[in-house]
Amino acid sequence: MRVKHPVRAVVDLVVRRAPVEAQLIVTRRCNLSCGYCTEYDDHSAMIPLATLEPWIDALHRLHVVNISMLGGEPLMHPDLPAIVKYADRRSQVSVTTNGFLITEDLIRGLNESGLANMEVSIDSVKQDRTAYIQKCLHTIRPKLALLRKFAKFDVHINLVLCPQTKDEFVETVRELDEFGFPVAIDLLHDAKGGIAIGGEDYARLWDRYYAETAPFSYIEREYGGKLLRGEQPAWHCRAGGRFLYVDEFGNAQFCSAQRGRLGKPIVDYTWDDLRANSKTHKPCEAGCSLLCHYRDSAVDNQPLLALTTVLKGLTRRAAYTGAAK
């Protein structure tokens, strides 16, 4: 993951204790209907740039380090490059996409807008006849080639480990890794964010992923392994503080799986809210498999581990990429 302004990021995170990340919904509409996803529909309108601007201004006021544009499918938004450009003024910007709508022109537009990172979701090598899994490498391969050729922003791949991807998991990771993009793993969760898979077979796949590739992140390695082995390690979720989720109505939420528990307009969100919600115990912490929140919370929970694992990941990735050339 590229950090465009490392000095500014360190000051914001360490001195100001600002949010690591804010996820911003730019539309709920998606061009796919994956069976495990609960964050899309097929009819919502695009949120206008004029509506998004004050929400982004509020995130800038809170010195959010990274604003991640989400959907639905954010690439469906016709003004996405303009949204990225507006948000890039005072935060770095990421986009999470299924990749189907990637074109050379769009990549060039996002380059010019200052996009820092793109996460492309791919779950399998082959198509799933049941359509539960719809993002497969067979379909997305030409899009990855475009990204490798034209993208000036960093790209990584995200794969959901679930019953439908389990049998092809090793092959999928291996083929994705050949593109030279880091691969991140999500663990299937239920509607409330709790772990929805488990067992020694899954745990072995998790361990193999860390042993044989250059993972996107090492922070959650031990935690994810324990979840898959049926444990519920204690930890402190810093959502509402180190992590924010802004829904399609402009309301700050703890996360995508806990919408409705917070619900304060982001334009009214304050530094006092950040501090208070960062300290608040959240009953959903036990068994939560939203690993991005675990990573962001580690800045406070395990600062030394967060630093050393970031350095380890960068070092191993550099060595891995160099050996692959």
Foldseek 3Di string as FASTA:
>chain_A
DDQPDVVLLCCLCPVVVFAQEEEEEQEQDAPADAQLDDRHDNDTDGRDLVNCLLLLVLSLVRQHAEYEYEYNAVVVDPCVLVSQLSNVPRYAYEYEHCQLPADLVVLVSNVVSRHAEYEHEAAAADADPVSNHHRHCVRRVVSLVSCLVRHPHAYAYEYEDDPVRLVRLVVRLVVRCLSLHAYEYFYRADLQQFGDAADPSVLVSLVCSVVPGLHPFDLCSVVVSCLRHPFFDDDQQLFQANYWYQDPVQFTDSDNSGPPPGGHRSSPDDNVSNVVSRPDGDPSSGRGRPVVRVLSNCCPGPVVSNVVRVVVSVVVSVVVSVVSD
